[in-house]
N, C-alpha and C. Protein backbone atom coordinates (compact mmCIF):
# COMPACT_ATOMS: atom_id res chain seq x y z
N UNK A 1 34.45 -30.84 10.46
CA UNK A 1 32.99 -30.83 10.53
C UNK A 1 33.19 -30.63 8.44
N UNK A 2 32.63 -31.70 8.17
CA UNK A 2 32.36 -31.64 6.48
C UNK A 2 31.91 -30.25 5.76
N UNK A 3 33.06 -29.72 5.04
CA UNK A 3 32.71 -28.80 4.72
C UNK A 3 31.15 -28.89 3.61
N UNK A 4 31.37 -29.86 3.15
CA UNK A 4 29.72 -30.31 1.99
C UNK A 4 28.79 -30.36 2.73
N UNK A 5 28.76 -30.99 4.06
CA UNK A 5 27.46 -31.29 4.67
C UNK A 5 26.87 -29.94 5.28
N UNK A 6 28.29 -28.80 5.89
CA UNK A 6 28.09 -27.73 6.42
C UNK A 6 27.31 -26.57 5.57
N UNK A 7 27.71 -26.72 4.26
CA UNK A 7 27.20 -26.16 3.25
C UNK A 7 25.93 -26.30 3.15
N UNK A 8 25.73 -28.04 2.50
CA UNK A 8 24.46 -28.38 2.51
C UNK A 8 23.49 -27.71 3.31
N UNK A 9 24.17 -28.09 4.85
CA UNK A 9 22.78 -27.10 5.74
C UNK A 9 22.54 -26.11 5.80
N UNK A 10 23.67 -24.91 6.02
CA UNK A 10 23.39 -23.30 5.60
C UNK A 10 22.39 -23.12 4.58
N UNK A 11 22.36 -24.05 3.30
CA UNK A 11 21.70 -23.60 1.80
C UNK A 11 20.38 -24.46 2.36
N UNK A 12 19.83 -25.04 3.15
CA UNK A 12 18.38 -25.88 3.68
C UNK A 12 17.28 -24.82 4.49
N UNK A 13 18.60 -24.31 5.36
CA UNK A 13 18.02 -23.05 6.10
C UNK A 13 17.67 -21.77 5.50
N UNK A 14 18.56 -21.40 4.64
CA UNK A 14 17.90 -20.17 3.58
C UNK A 14 16.71 -20.74 2.68
N UNK A 15 16.99 -21.55 2.77
CA UNK A 15 15.96 -21.66 1.52
C UNK A 15 14.04 -22.05 2.17
N UNK A 16 14.88 -22.33 3.38
CA UNK A 16 13.48 -22.39 4.61
C UNK A 16 13.04 -21.00 4.86
N UNK A 17 13.91 -20.31 5.09
CA UNK A 17 13.48 -18.97 5.84
C UNK A 17 13.09 -18.01 4.33
N UNK A 18 13.40 -18.45 3.21
CA UNK A 18 12.91 -17.42 1.99
C UNK A 18 11.18 -18.35 1.47
N UNK A 19 11.26 -19.17 1.84
CA UNK A 19 10.01 -19.98 1.55
C UNK A 19 9.15 -19.56 2.64
N UNK A 20 9.12 -19.14 3.97
CA UNK A 20 8.31 -19.20 4.90
C UNK A 20 7.17 -18.87 4.75
N UNK A 21 6.10 -18.68 5.39
CA UNK A 21 4.85 -18.30 4.73
C UNK A 21 5.12 -16.72 5.75
N UNK A 22 3.61 -16.50 4.76
CA UNK A 22 3.97 -14.63 5.30
C UNK A 22 2.71 -14.61 6.48
N UNK A 23 3.29 -13.63 7.76
CA UNK A 23 2.71 -13.69 8.61
C UNK A 23 0.98 -13.15 8.15
N UNK A 24 0.23 -13.27 8.65
CA UNK A 24 -1.01 -13.03 8.29
C UNK A 24 -1.86 -12.16 9.94
N UNK A 25 -1.86 -10.62 9.16
CA UNK A 25 -2.51 -9.78 10.30
C UNK A 25 -3.63 -9.19 10.09
N UNK A 26 -4.34 -9.68 11.14
CA UNK A 26 -6.36 -9.09 11.19
C UNK A 26 -6.16 -8.02 10.65
N UNK A 27 -7.12 -7.42 9.95
CA UNK A 27 -7.91 -6.55 9.27
C UNK A 27 -9.40 -6.15 10.16
N UNK A 28 -9.75 -5.86 10.86
CA UNK A 28 -11.20 -5.73 11.53
C UNK A 28 -11.33 -4.06 12.22
N UNK A 29 -12.70 -4.06 12.67
CA UNK A 29 -13.31 -3.31 14.07
C UNK A 29 -14.24 -3.78 14.04
N UNK A 30 -15.08 -2.25 14.94
CA UNK A 30 -16.71 -2.51 14.77
C UNK A 30 -17.42 -2.46 13.47
N UNK A 31 -16.51 -1.95 12.35
CA UNK A 31 -17.30 -1.98 10.61
C UNK A 31 -17.38 -3.10 10.40
N UNK A 32 -16.32 -4.18 10.44
CA UNK A 32 -16.01 -5.10 9.94
C UNK A 32 -16.82 -6.42 8.87
N UNK A 33 -18.54 -6.28 10.01
CA UNK A 33 -19.72 -6.94 9.58
C UNK A 33 -19.71 -6.09 8.13
N UNK A 34 -20.40 -5.18 8.36
CA UNK A 34 -20.80 -4.00 7.24
C UNK A 34 -19.66 -4.59 6.26
N UNK A 35 -18.25 -4.41 5.83
CA UNK A 35 -17.49 -4.55 5.41
C UNK A 35 -17.82 -5.64 4.67
N UNK A 36 -17.85 -6.27 5.54
CA UNK A 36 -17.99 -8.44 4.91
C UNK A 36 -19.25 -8.32 4.38
N UNK A 37 -20.13 -8.03 4.69
CA UNK A 37 -21.24 -8.56 4.22
C UNK A 37 -21.74 -6.92 2.92
N UNK A 38 -20.72 -6.28 2.35
CA UNK A 38 -20.96 -5.25 1.37
C UNK A 38 -20.15 -6.02 -0.15
N UNK A 39 -20.63 -6.52 -0.91
CA UNK A 39 -20.33 -7.56 -2.21
C UNK A 39 -19.69 -6.41 -3.01
N UNK A 40 -19.70 -5.36 -3.13
CA UNK A 40 -19.06 -4.83 -4.76
C UNK A 40 -18.36 -3.29 -3.45
N UNK A 41 -17.11 -2.71 -4.16
CA UNK A 41 -16.47 -1.54 -3.84
C UNK A 41 -15.81 -0.81 -4.62
N UNK A 42 -15.37 0.55 -4.47
CA UNK A 42 -14.47 0.90 -5.40
C UNK A 42 -12.91 1.05 -5.01
N UNK A 43 -12.10 0.79 -6.13
CA UNK A 43 -10.99 0.86 -5.64
C UNK A 43 -10.02 1.96 -6.02
N UNK A 44 -9.68 2.88 -5.18
CA UNK A 44 -9.19 4.37 -5.94
C UNK A 44 -7.84 4.58 -5.60
N UNK A 45 -7.20 3.35 -5.35
CA UNK A 45 -5.78 3.25 -5.65
C UNK A 45 -4.97 3.39 -4.57
N UNK A 46 -3.62 4.07 -4.61
CA UNK A 46 -2.52 4.16 -3.96
C UNK A 46 -2.16 5.81 -3.92
N UNK A 47 -2.27 6.64 -2.47
CA UNK A 47 -2.62 7.75 -2.65
C UNK A 47 -0.98 8.28 -1.90
N UNK A 48 -0.33 8.56 -2.88
CA UNK A 48 1.09 9.32 -2.37
C UNK A 48 1.12 10.33 -2.01
N UNK A 49 -0.08 11.15 -2.03
CA UNK A 49 0.03 12.80 -1.58
C UNK A 49 0.80 13.15 -1.06
N UNK A 50 1.03 12.59 0.34
CA UNK A 50 1.25 12.45 1.73
C UNK A 50 2.61 11.91 1.95
N UNK A 51 3.27 10.85 0.87
CA UNK A 51 4.03 10.05 1.14
C UNK A 51 5.95 10.50 1.77
N UNK A 52 6.25 10.42 2.40
CA UNK A 52 7.90 10.78 2.80
C UNK A 52 8.95 10.04 2.24
N UNK A 53 9.77 9.98 1.11
CA UNK A 53 10.80 9.14 0.78
C UNK A 53 11.95 9.48 1.57
N UNK A 54 12.80 8.43 2.27
CA UNK A 54 13.72 8.28 3.48
C UNK A 54 14.73 7.76 2.57
N UNK A 55 15.91 7.79 2.59
CA UNK A 55 16.93 7.20 2.23
C UNK A 55 18.14 8.01 1.52
N UNK A 56 19.04 7.73 1.22
CA UNK A 56 19.97 8.80 0.96
C UNK A 56 20.36 8.63 -0.58
N UNK A 57 20.14 7.23 -0.95
CA UNK A 57 19.87 6.63 -2.70
C UNK A 57 18.35 6.72 -2.89
N UNK A 58 18.41 6.37 -4.12
CA UNK A 58 17.18 5.79 -4.50
C UNK A 58 16.02 7.09 -5.14
N UNK A 59 16.15 7.98 -4.72
CA UNK A 59 15.09 9.34 -4.63
C UNK A 59 15.95 10.08 -5.04
N UNK A 60 16.98 9.96 -6.43
CA UNK A 60 17.66 11.47 -6.50
C UNK A 60 16.78 12.09 -7.89
N UNK A 61 15.95 11.37 -8.48
CA UNK A 61 14.60 12.26 -9.37
C UNK A 61 14.09 12.51 -8.73
N UNK A 62 13.20 13.11 -7.56
CA UNK A 62 12.01 12.90 -7.31
C UNK A 62 10.60 13.57 -8.37
N UNK A 63 11.47 14.51 -8.98
CA UNK A 63 10.48 14.57 -10.31
C UNK A 63 9.87 13.80 -11.04
N UNK A 64 10.57 13.01 -11.01
CA UNK A 64 10.02 11.67 -12.18
C UNK A 64 9.72 10.70 -11.28
N UNK A 65 9.87 10.34 -9.99
CA UNK A 65 8.71 9.48 -9.14
C UNK A 65 7.56 10.32 -9.22
N UNK A 66 7.70 11.55 -9.08
CA UNK A 66 5.98 12.10 -8.24
C UNK A 66 5.55 11.90 -9.79
N UNK A 67 5.83 12.43 -10.92
CA UNK A 67 5.15 12.91 -12.37
C UNK A 67 5.04 11.20 -13.37
N UNK A 68 5.77 9.95 -13.14
CA UNK A 68 5.91 8.68 -13.77
C UNK A 68 5.47 7.71 -13.31
N UNK A 69 6.31 7.34 -11.91
CA UNK A 69 6.62 6.22 -11.04
C UNK A 69 5.32 6.04 -10.10
N UNK A 70 4.36 7.21 -9.65
CA UNK A 70 4.02 6.50 -8.59
C UNK A 70 2.23 6.36 -9.04
N UNK A 71 2.08 6.70 -10.31
CA UNK A 71 0.88 6.69 -11.25
C UNK A 71 1.27 5.26 -11.50
N UNK A 72 2.44 4.77 -12.07
CA UNK A 72 2.90 3.48 -12.91
C UNK A 72 2.26 2.47 -12.00
N UNK A 73 2.99 3.23 -10.71
CA UNK A 73 2.66 1.62 -9.88
C UNK A 73 0.73 1.30 -9.50
N UNK A 74 0.10 2.51 -9.63
CA UNK A 74 -0.97 2.34 -9.52
C UNK A 74 -1.76 1.42 -10.84
N UNK A 75 -0.95 1.93 -11.71
CA UNK A 75 -1.29 1.24 -12.85
C UNK A 75 -1.31 -0.49 -13.02
N UNK A 76 -0.04 -0.81 -12.45
CA UNK A 76 0.06 -2.14 -12.96
C UNK A 76 -0.66 -2.56 -11.71
N UNK A 77 -0.94 -2.16 -10.92
CA UNK A 77 -2.22 -2.94 -9.43
C UNK A 77 -2.97 -3.32 -10.36
N UNK A 78 -3.62 -2.06 -11.46
CA UNK A 78 -4.95 -3.13 -11.75
C UNK A 78 -4.59 -3.77 -13.24
N UNK A 79 -3.51 -3.18 -13.66
CA UNK A 79 -3.27 -4.43 -14.73
C UNK A 79 -3.71 -6.19 -14.46
N UNK A 80 -2.79 -5.69 -13.21
CA UNK A 80 -2.11 -7.25 -12.98
C UNK A 80 -2.85 -7.75 -11.85
N UNK A 81 -4.24 -7.72 -12.21
CA UNK A 81 -4.89 -7.97 -11.21
C UNK A 81 -4.80 -9.09 -10.54
N UNK A 82 -4.76 -10.38 -11.43
CA UNK A 82 -4.41 -11.58 -10.77
C UNK A 82 -3.24 -11.93 -9.56
N UNK A 83 -2.20 -10.89 -9.79
CA UNK A 83 -1.29 -10.75 -8.87
C UNK A 83 -1.76 -10.14 -7.77
N UNK A 84 -2.27 -8.92 -8.26
CA UNK A 84 -2.63 -7.84 -7.05
C UNK A 84 -4.34 -8.15 -6.92
N UNK A 85 -4.65 -9.50 -6.01
CA UNK A 85 -6.06 -9.44 -6.15
C UNK A 85 -7.10 -9.07 -5.26
N UNK A 86 -7.35 -7.88 -5.66
CA UNK A 86 -8.22 -6.99 -4.79
C UNK A 86 -10.04 -8.24 -4.33
N UNK A 87 -10.28 -8.55 -5.51
CA UNK A 87 -11.13 -9.33 -5.06
C UNK A 87 -10.95 -10.82 -4.44
N UNK A 88 -9.73 -11.39 -4.19
CA UNK A 88 -9.69 -12.74 -3.11
C UNK A 88 -9.28 -11.73 -1.97
N UNK A 89 -8.59 -11.10 -1.66
CA UNK A 89 -8.45 -10.36 -0.45
C UNK A 89 -9.29 -9.84 0.34
N UNK A 90 -10.18 -9.29 -0.08
CA UNK A 90 -11.08 -8.93 0.49
C UNK A 90 -12.19 -9.01 0.42
N UNK A 91 -12.47 -10.23 -0.09
CA UNK A 91 -13.92 -11.31 -0.65
C UNK A 91 -15.22 -10.18 -1.16
N UNK A 92 -14.61 -9.98 -2.55
CA UNK A 92 -15.45 -8.51 -2.87
C UNK A 92 -16.22 -9.31 -4.56
N UNK A 93 -17.09 -9.59 -4.96
CA UNK A 93 -17.49 -10.18 -6.18
C UNK A 93 -17.79 -9.26 -7.23
N UNK A 94 -17.52 -7.99 -6.91
CA UNK A 94 -17.46 -6.92 -7.90
C UNK A 94 -16.40 -5.55 -7.26
N UNK A 95 -15.23 -5.34 -7.84
CA UNK A 95 -14.22 -4.20 -7.45
C UNK A 95 -14.29 -3.02 -8.66
N UNK A 96 -15.08 -2.20 -8.61
CA UNK A 96 -14.88 -0.73 -9.79
C UNK A 96 -13.63 -0.40 -9.33
N UNK A 97 -12.70 0.53 -10.48
CA UNK A 97 -11.91 0.75 -10.35
C UNK A 97 -11.91 2.17 -10.91
N UNK A 98 -11.94 3.30 -9.74
CA UNK A 98 -11.57 4.87 -9.93
C UNK A 98 -10.60 5.55 -9.82
N UNK A 99 -9.26 5.70 -10.41
CA UNK A 99 -8.42 6.05 -9.97
C UNK A 99 -7.97 7.96 -10.51
N UNK A 100 -9.00 8.21 -10.94
CA UNK A 100 -8.91 9.84 -11.55
C UNK A 100 -8.63 10.57 -10.59
N UNK A 101 -9.12 10.53 -8.99
CA UNK A 101 -8.65 11.35 -8.13
C UNK A 101 -7.73 11.27 -7.53
N UNK A 102 -6.96 9.70 -7.32
CA UNK A 102 -5.89 9.42 -6.83
C UNK A 102 -4.67 10.19 -7.87
N UNK A 103 -5.07 9.44 -9.09
CA UNK A 103 -3.87 10.06 -10.40
C UNK A 103 -3.92 11.75 -9.85
N UNK A 104 -4.40 12.46 -10.09
CA UNK A 104 -4.60 13.86 -9.84
C UNK A 104 -3.65 14.23 -8.34
N UNK A 105 -4.14 13.41 -7.64
CA UNK A 105 -3.49 14.21 -6.41
C UNK A 105 -1.76 13.44 -6.13
N UNK A 106 -2.15 12.76 -6.82
CA UNK A 106 -0.43 11.96 -6.77
C UNK A 106 0.47 13.51 -7.87
N UNK A 107 -0.34 13.50 -8.81
CA UNK A 107 0.55 14.57 -9.86
C UNK A 107 0.64 16.29 -8.88
N UNK A 108 0.19 16.55 -7.87
CA UNK A 108 0.21 17.22 -7.42
C UNK A 108 1.01 17.82 -6.10
N UNK A 109 1.95 16.70 -5.93
CA UNK A 109 2.71 16.38 -4.17
C UNK A 109 3.61 17.69 -4.69
N UNK A 110 3.76 18.53 -3.81
CA UNK A 110 4.76 19.64 -3.19
C UNK A 110 6.83 18.67 -3.01
N UNK A 111 7.17 18.87 -4.20
CA UNK A 111 8.34 18.20 -4.69
C UNK A 111 9.63 18.65 -3.25
N UNK A 112 9.26 19.71 -2.66
CA UNK A 112 9.74 20.61 -1.78
C UNK A 112 9.96 19.60 -0.18
N UNK A 113 8.37 19.20 -0.26
CA UNK A 113 7.76 18.53 1.04
C UNK A 113 7.53 17.66 1.23
N UNK A 114 8.19 16.18 -0.41
CA UNK A 114 7.91 14.96 -0.32
C UNK A 114 9.43 13.71 0.18
N UNK A 115 10.83 14.60 0.47
CA UNK A 115 11.64 13.98 1.08
C UNK A 115 11.66 14.52 2.61
N UNK A 116 12.07 13.24 3.63
CA UNK A 116 12.38 13.34 5.07
C UNK A 116 13.61 12.57 5.08
N UNK A 117 14.42 13.31 6.57
CA UNK A 117 15.64 13.17 6.98
C UNK A 117 15.60 11.68 7.45
N UNK A 118 14.82 11.50 8.48
CA UNK A 118 14.61 9.72 8.65
C UNK A 118 13.10 9.23 9.16
N UNK A 119 13.21 8.01 9.41
CA UNK A 119 11.83 7.75 9.67
C UNK A 119 11.16 8.29 11.17
N UNK A 120 11.92 9.03 11.64
CA UNK A 120 10.92 9.44 12.70
C UNK A 120 10.67 10.82 13.06
N UNK A 121 10.59 11.09 11.21
CA UNK A 121 10.41 12.89 10.77
C UNK A 121 9.05 13.42 11.67
N UNK A 122 8.76 14.06 12.39
CA UNK A 122 7.34 14.26 12.64
C UNK A 122 6.72 15.14 11.61
N UNK A 123 6.93 15.19 10.46
CA UNK A 123 6.36 15.17 9.22
C UNK A 123 5.49 14.22 8.30
N UNK A 124 5.77 12.80 9.04
CA UNK A 124 4.98 12.17 8.32
C UNK A 124 3.32 11.62 9.01
N UNK A 125 3.00 11.17 8.37
CA UNK A 125 1.48 11.26 8.09
C UNK A 125 1.19 9.95 10.06
N UNK A 126 0.07 10.23 10.83
CA UNK A 126 -0.30 8.92 11.35
C UNK A 126 -2.18 9.14 11.00
N UNK A 127 -2.25 8.28 11.42
CA UNK A 127 -3.60 7.48 11.46
C UNK A 127 -4.52 8.33 11.73
N UNK A 128 -4.74 9.58 12.70
CA UNK A 128 -5.33 10.79 13.44
C UNK A 128 -5.51 11.58 11.83
N UNK A 129 -4.44 11.29 10.93
CA UNK A 129 -4.46 12.69 9.79
C UNK A 129 -5.77 11.24 8.51
N UNK A 130 -5.56 10.82 8.68
CA UNK A 130 -6.63 9.75 7.46
C UNK A 130 -8.07 10.22 7.47
N UNK A 131 -8.54 10.42 8.31
CA UNK A 131 -9.79 11.04 7.72
C UNK A 131 -9.65 12.63 6.89
N UNK A 132 -9.13 13.40 7.68
CA UNK A 132 -9.02 14.63 6.70
C UNK A 132 -8.48 14.74 5.18
N UNK A 133 -7.50 13.22 5.18
CA UNK A 133 -7.41 12.94 3.80
C UNK A 133 -8.30 12.67 3.13
N UNK A 134 -9.16 11.64 3.61
CA UNK A 134 -10.26 11.57 2.71
C UNK A 134 -11.32 12.19 2.32
N UNK A 135 -11.45 13.37 3.86
CA UNK A 135 -12.35 14.34 3.27
C UNK A 135 -12.19 15.46 2.13
N UNK A 136 -10.65 15.01 1.76
CA UNK A 136 -10.37 15.82 0.34
C UNK A 136 -10.71 15.26 -0.81
N UNK A 137 -11.04 13.82 -0.54
CA UNK A 137 -11.60 13.48 -1.99
C UNK A 137 -12.70 13.75 -2.56
N UNK A 138 -12.81 13.88 -4.05
CA UNK A 138 -14.15 14.38 -4.56
C UNK A 138 -15.41 13.24 -4.68
N UNK A 139 -15.67 12.80 -3.89
CA UNK A 139 -16.65 11.37 -3.96
C UNK A 139 -18.07 11.79 -4.18
N UNK A 140 -18.75 12.79 -3.88
CA UNK A 140 -20.12 13.01 -3.38
C UNK A 140 -20.86 12.78 -4.10
N UNK A 141 -20.69 12.27 -6.16
CA UNK A 141 -21.43 12.13 -6.27
C UNK A 141 -21.55 10.73 -6.81
N UNK A 142 -20.89 10.07 -6.26
CA UNK A 142 -20.90 8.48 -6.40
C UNK A 142 -21.29 7.87 -4.64
N UNK A 143 -21.86 6.91 -4.41
CA UNK A 143 -21.80 6.11 -3.00
C UNK A 143 -21.65 4.73 -3.26
N UNK A 144 -21.34 4.40 -1.91
CA UNK A 144 -21.31 2.76 -1.99
C UNK A 144 -19.44 2.51 -0.63
N UNK A 145 -18.87 1.17 -1.05
CA UNK A 145 -17.74 1.55 -0.56
C UNK A 145 -16.76 1.67 -0.93
N UNK A 146 -15.81 2.70 -0.58
CA UNK A 146 -14.09 2.89 -0.94
C UNK A 146 -13.31 2.37 0.05
N UNK A 147 -12.28 1.42 -1.50
CA UNK A 147 -10.86 1.20 -0.27
C UNK A 147 -9.48 2.36 -1.33
N UNK A 148 -9.15 2.49 -0.58
CA UNK A 148 -7.61 3.23 -1.01
C UNK A 148 -6.31 2.64 -0.12
N UNK A 149 -5.07 3.02 -0.31
CA UNK A 149 -4.30 2.68 0.12
C UNK A 149 -3.20 4.01 -0.03
N UNK A 150 -3.67 4.60 1.86
CA UNK A 150 -2.67 5.97 1.94
C UNK A 150 -1.12 5.76 2.17
N UNK A 151 -0.35 5.84 0.96
CA UNK A 151 0.86 5.23 1.64
C UNK A 151 1.39 6.22 2.71
N UNK A 152 2.33 6.20 3.44
CA UNK A 152 3.17 6.88 4.70
C UNK A 152 4.47 7.24 4.14
N UNK A 153 5.01 6.32 3.89
CA UNK A 153 6.75 6.31 3.48
C UNK A 153 7.08 5.06 2.55
N UNK A 154 8.06 5.46 1.62
CA UNK A 154 8.99 4.04 1.18
C UNK A 154 10.63 4.75 1.76
N UNK A 155 10.84 3.62 1.87
CA UNK A 155 12.24 3.64 3.25
C UNK A 155 13.00 2.75 2.52
N UNK A 156 14.04 3.34 1.60
CA UNK A 156 15.24 2.83 1.05
C UNK A 156 16.00 2.16 1.78
N UNK A 157 16.27 2.81 2.85
CA UNK A 157 17.33 1.54 3.73
C UNK A 157 16.87 0.66 4.37
N UNK A 158 15.54 0.88 4.45
CA UNK A 158 14.94 -0.51 4.77
C UNK A 158 14.15 -1.38 4.19
N UNK A 159 14.39 -1.03 3.04
CA UNK A 159 13.74 -1.69 1.99
C UNK A 159 11.99 -1.74 2.28
N UNK A 160 11.45 -0.58 2.68
CA UNK A 160 9.92 -1.05 3.14
C UNK A 160 9.20 -0.08 3.18
N UNK A 161 7.89 -0.22 2.83
CA UNK A 161 6.99 0.95 2.57
C UNK A 161 6.11 0.95 3.89
N UNK A 162 5.55 1.50 4.12
CA UNK A 162 4.45 1.76 5.44
C UNK A 162 3.10 2.35 4.78
N UNK A 163 2.10 1.74 4.80
CA UNK A 163 0.54 2.66 4.09
C UNK A 163 -0.38 2.23 5.16
N UNK A 164 -1.62 2.97 5.09
CA UNK A 164 -2.56 2.75 5.65
C UNK A 164 -3.87 1.98 4.54
N UNK A 165 -4.22 0.94 4.52
CA UNK A 165 -5.07 0.58 4.00
C UNK A 165 -6.58 0.85 4.72
N UNK A 166 -7.73 1.41 4.19
CA UNK A 166 -8.80 2.35 4.51
C UNK A 166 -9.62 2.40 3.43
N UNK A 167 -10.66 1.68 4.36
CA UNK A 167 -12.18 1.96 3.99
C UNK A 167 -12.99 2.68 4.28
N UNK A 168 -13.77 3.19 3.76
CA UNK A 168 -14.60 4.87 3.65
C UNK A 168 -15.78 4.84 2.85
N UNK A 169 -16.62 5.35 3.56
CA UNK A 169 -18.04 5.64 2.88
C UNK A 169 -18.11 6.48 1.62
N UNK A 170 -18.18 5.91 0.61
CA UNK A 170 -17.90 7.06 -0.27
C UNK A 170 -18.78 8.36 -0.39
N UNK A 171 -20.27 8.30 -0.10
CA UNK A 171 -20.65 9.45 -0.10
C UNK A 171 -20.55 10.46 0.95
N UNK A 172 -20.52 9.83 2.05
CA UNK A 172 -20.25 10.70 3.52
C UNK A 172 -18.78 11.14 3.57
N UNK A 173 -18.04 9.71 3.00
CA UNK A 173 -16.41 10.00 3.43
C UNK A 173 -15.96 9.69 4.64
N UNK A 174 -16.91 9.27 5.51
CA UNK A 174 -16.74 8.47 6.70
C UNK A 174 -15.33 7.25 6.56
N UNK A 175 -14.31 7.80 7.19
CA UNK A 175 -13.66 6.46 7.49
C UNK A 175 -14.34 5.48 8.12
N UNK A 176 -14.64 3.87 7.53
CA UNK A 176 -14.94 2.64 8.42
C UNK A 176 -13.84 1.76 8.89
N UNK A 177 -12.95 1.73 8.49
CA UNK A 177 -11.64 1.53 9.16
C UNK A 177 -10.53 1.48 8.37
N UNK A 178 -9.40 1.68 9.40
CA UNK A 178 -7.87 2.20 8.46
C UNK A 178 -6.60 1.77 9.58
N UNK A 179 -6.22 1.07 9.23
CA UNK A 179 -5.27 0.38 9.45
C UNK A 179 -3.91 0.13 9.26
N UNK A 180 -2.67 0.48 9.79
CA UNK A 180 -1.30 1.03 8.75
C UNK A 180 -0.73 -0.19 9.07
N UNK A 181 0.11 -1.02 7.41
CA UNK A 181 0.68 -2.08 7.17
C UNK A 181 2.29 -1.55 6.86
N UNK A 182 3.10 -2.39 6.73
CA UNK A 182 4.68 -2.33 6.24
C UNK A 182 4.51 -3.36 5.49
N UNK A 183 5.31 -3.09 4.24
CA UNK A 183 5.56 -3.85 2.94
C UNK A 183 6.49 -3.64 2.42
N UNK A 184 7.22 -5.15 2.06
CA UNK A 184 8.91 -5.41 2.30
C UNK A 184 8.97 -5.17 0.59
N UNK A 185 9.81 -4.32 -0.24
CA UNK A 185 10.03 -3.70 -0.99
C UNK A 185 10.92 -4.84 -2.21
N UNK A 186 11.26 -5.20 -3.45
CA UNK A 186 11.63 -6.18 -3.57
C UNK A 186 11.94 -5.98 -5.17
N UNK A 187 12.67 -6.32 -5.97
CA UNK A 187 12.41 -6.20 -8.07
C UNK A 187 13.35 -5.31 -8.05
N UNK A 188 13.27 -5.38 -9.88
CA UNK A 188 13.96 -4.68 -10.38
C UNK A 188 13.42 -3.41 -10.83
N UNK A 189 14.13 -2.03 -10.93
CA UNK A 189 13.35 -1.08 -11.44
C UNK A 189 12.59 -0.60 -10.55
N UNK A 190 12.56 0.85 -10.57
CA UNK A 190 11.54 2.00 -9.60
C UNK A 190 10.22 1.18 -9.26
N UNK A 191 9.57 1.24 -10.05
CA UNK A 191 8.10 0.50 -10.25
C UNK A 191 7.92 -0.64 -9.64
N UNK A 192 8.54 -1.72 -9.83
CA UNK A 192 8.60 -3.07 -9.53
C UNK A 192 8.91 -3.05 -8.20
N UNK A 193 9.93 -2.56 -7.20
CA UNK A 193 10.77 -2.57 -6.29
C UNK A 193 9.53 -2.34 -5.58
N UNK A 194 8.93 -1.00 -5.87
CA UNK A 194 7.97 -0.33 -4.83
C UNK A 194 6.37 -1.11 -5.10
N UNK A 195 6.17 -1.56 -6.03
CA UNK A 195 4.73 -2.48 -6.40
C UNK A 195 4.85 -3.03 -5.17
N UNK A 196 5.86 -4.09 -5.37
CA UNK A 196 6.49 -5.57 -4.41
C UNK A 196 5.72 -4.71 -3.34
N UNK A 197 5.29 -3.83 -2.99
CA UNK A 197 5.23 -3.28 -0.95
C UNK A 197 3.58 -3.56 -1.13
N UNK A 198 2.81 -3.30 -1.98
CA UNK A 198 1.55 -3.45 -2.13
C UNK A 198 1.31 -4.81 -2.43
N UNK A 199 1.86 -5.94 -3.39
CA UNK A 199 1.83 -7.04 -2.92
C UNK A 199 1.62 -7.73 -1.63
N UNK A 200 2.94 -7.25 -1.11
CA UNK A 200 3.56 -8.00 0.10
C UNK A 200 2.26 -7.67 1.07
N UNK A 201 2.16 -6.36 1.17
CA UNK A 201 0.30 -6.37 2.24
C UNK A 201 -0.73 -6.98 2.02
N UNK A 202 -1.05 -7.06 0.26
CA UNK A 202 -2.01 -7.77 0.58
C UNK A 202 -1.92 -9.54 0.79
N UNK A 203 -0.93 -9.50 0.49
CA UNK A 203 -0.55 -11.03 1.18
C UNK A 203 -1.04 -11.09 2.79
N UNK A 204 -0.46 -10.17 3.67
CA UNK A 204 -0.69 -9.97 4.43
C UNK A 204 -1.99 -10.07 5.42
N UNK A 205 -2.95 -9.82 5.06
CA UNK A 205 -4.15 -9.37 4.53
C UNK A 205 -4.49 -10.43 5.27
N UNK A 206 -5.40 -10.64 6.80
CA UNK A 206 -6.73 -11.75 6.89
C UNK A 206 -8.33 -10.76 7.45
N UNK A 207 -8.75 -10.55 6.45
CA UNK A 207 -9.85 -9.73 6.26
C UNK A 207 -10.88 -9.97 7.68
N UNK A 208 -10.91 -11.40 7.48
CA UNK A 208 -11.76 -11.58 8.93
C UNK A 208 -11.48 -13.23 9.25
N UNK A 209 -11.00 -13.32 11.06
CA UNK A 209 -10.80 -14.29 11.60
C UNK A 209 -11.76 -14.47 12.65
């Protein structure tokens, strides 16, 4: 077999794999129509307060991760809004930013409980924990539709993060819709590497079908 043709064929296959479209996942339940018809929402950010860091490398300085990187990921989602397009993904004409609650929660993480031994750890949160987490938010003075991404795990060996995309009623703190997603990581530096998981999840979401 001609070596050049073989190499060319492998290159084409790798190119097609790399350019394959992101698989869309429908995000809906019995509250979807209400969420769809609400044109405004408040973005609360990425809640890392219950996240587990899983992997032998990449998490050597958990204090810096908590005190610097978690909220820097939140900030890049807001500052690069054309890339992390919440309006487009969720069909909203108005997206208010209110990240203070989440930023404060992220700074209060217990470092001793942030590391987990493996992806099957019983300490990882599940979907049944989401209402309790939302109930801890101090949002009673506001009303409307809220959206938060509640981070479950950062998994260095598998190069991915798992998170719950969660809509809730701001005043009552009732969870309206929550669904778990996985996002692939990538890029240079801790912030960009894990921020890529948020972009990947946004690309996956098919809000209505």
